[in-house]
Protein backbone atom coordinates (compact mmCIF):
# COMPACT_ATOMS: atom_id res chain seq x y z
CA MET A 1 -28.22 -11.62 -4.46
CA PRO A 2 -26.44 -9.28 -6.91
CA TYR A 3 -24.06 -6.62 -5.64
CA LEU A 4 -23.48 -3.19 -7.10
CA ARG A 5 -19.81 -2.24 -7.32
CA PHE A 6 -18.26 0.98 -8.51
CA TYR A 7 -14.57 1.78 -9.05
CA ARG A 8 -12.86 4.44 -11.12
CA ARG A 9 -9.12 5.15 -11.28
CA ILE A 10 -8.24 8.64 -12.52
CA PRO A 11 -4.61 9.38 -13.42
CA ILE A 12 -3.33 12.62 -11.93
CA ILE A 13 0.27 12.02 -13.06
CA PRO A 14 0.10 9.08 -15.51
CA ARG A 15 1.94 5.92 -14.36
CA LEU A 16 2.71 7.48 -10.96
CA LEU A 17 -0.19 9.15 -9.09
CA TYR A 18 -3.86 8.15 -9.20
CA LEU A 19 -7.11 9.24 -7.59
CA ASN A 20 -9.28 6.19 -6.85
CA LEU A 21 -13.04 6.59 -6.55
CA SER A 22 -15.32 3.82 -5.32
CA LYS A 23 -18.64 3.27 -3.63
CA GLY A 24 -16.74 3.01 -0.32
CA GLY A 25 -14.80 6.26 -0.61
CA VAL A 26 -11.81 8.04 -2.12
CA SER A 27 -8.13 7.06 -1.99
CA VAL A 28 -4.84 8.15 -3.54
CA SER A 29 -2.27 5.71 -4.96
CA ILE A 30 1.34 6.43 -5.73
CA GLY A 31 3.70 3.99 -7.38
CA LYS A 32 4.95 2.42 -10.53
CA ARG A 33 4.58 -1.00 -12.09
CA GLY A 34 5.53 -3.51 -9.43
CA TRP A 35 4.90 -1.43 -6.29
CA THR A 36 2.17 0.85 -4.98
CA VAL A 37 1.37 2.72 -1.77
CA THR A 38 -2.31 3.60 -1.31
CA PHE A 39 -3.61 6.12 1.23
CA GLY A 40 -7.26 5.42 1.86
CA ARG A 41 -10.06 5.97 4.33
CA TYR A 42 -8.91 3.39 6.87
CA GLY A 43 -5.15 3.28 6.46
CA VAL A 44 -2.16 2.78 4.22
CA ARG A 45 -1.72 -0.24 1.97
CA PHE A 46 1.69 -1.27 0.63
CA THR A 47 1.68 -3.59 -2.39
CA VAL A 48 4.67 -5.16 -4.16
CA GLY A 49 4.37 -7.58 -7.06
CA LEU A 50 6.09 -9.23 -9.99
CA PRO A 51 4.71 -7.52 -13.10
CA GLY A 52 3.07 -9.83 -15.61
CA THR A 53 2.77 -12.78 -13.21
CA GLY A 54 -0.26 -11.84 -11.13
CA LEU A 55 1.78 -12.50 -7.98
CA PHE A 56 1.81 -9.79 -5.32
CA VAL A 57 1.96 -9.29 -1.57
CA THR A 58 0.11 -6.56 0.30
CA GLU A 59 0.30 -5.13 3.82
CA HIS A 60 -2.28 -2.85 5.42
CA VAL A 61 -1.71 -0.52 8.41
CA ASN A 62 -4.75 1.15 10.02
CA TYR A 63 -4.49 4.86 10.80
CA SER A 64 -5.86 4.18 14.30
CA LYS A 65 -2.87 1.94 15.05
CA MET A 66 -0.23 4.25 13.58
CA ASN A 67 0.08 6.29 16.78
CA ASN A 68 0.48 3.16 18.88
CA LYS A 69 4.20 2.61 19.65
CA GLU A 70 3.72 -1.16 19.78
CA CYS A 71 2.28 -1.14 16.27
CA GLU A 72 5.21 0.94 15.01
CA LYS A 73 7.56 -1.79 16.18
CA LYS A 74 5.55 -4.43 14.31
CA ALA A 75 5.00 -2.44 11.11
CA PRO A 76 7.60 -3.40 8.49
CA SER A 77 10.00 -0.88 7.01
CA MET A 78 10.06 -0.64 3.21
CA GLU A 79 13.33 -2.65 3.14
CA GLN A 80 11.79 -5.41 5.25
CA PHE A 81 8.60 -5.37 3.21
CA ILE A 82 10.35 -5.89 -0.11
CA GLY A 83 12.67 -8.54 1.27
CA GLY A 84 15.75 -6.50 2.16
CA HIS A 85 17.78 -6.69 5.33
CA ASN A 86 16.19 -6.84 8.79
CA GLY A 87 16.67 -3.12 9.47
CA THR A 88 19.46 -3.49 12.01
CA LYS A 89 22.87 -2.01 11.43
CA GLU A 90 25.75 -4.40 11.95
CA GLU A 91 28.84 -3.02 13.62
CA LYS A 92 32.30 -4.12 12.52
């Protein structure tokens, strides 16, 4: 059975801010080549990749879980997401 898909990406600020239109709804993406944060209907999606390779990793956080303190503890910080330190400050 064939499926009808629709997707259109409209640059608001070229190479930085986009309005995404699809059959499922509207979202806004901000980012540059290699990383993007998308605010959509169901939550926020963080994507980091190696440009030109097709390799990327993505993380999605639902809006409904954002107010849950337990989810906040599990949600990665940007440093953790891109492979930085574990978010704790070491004392000397």
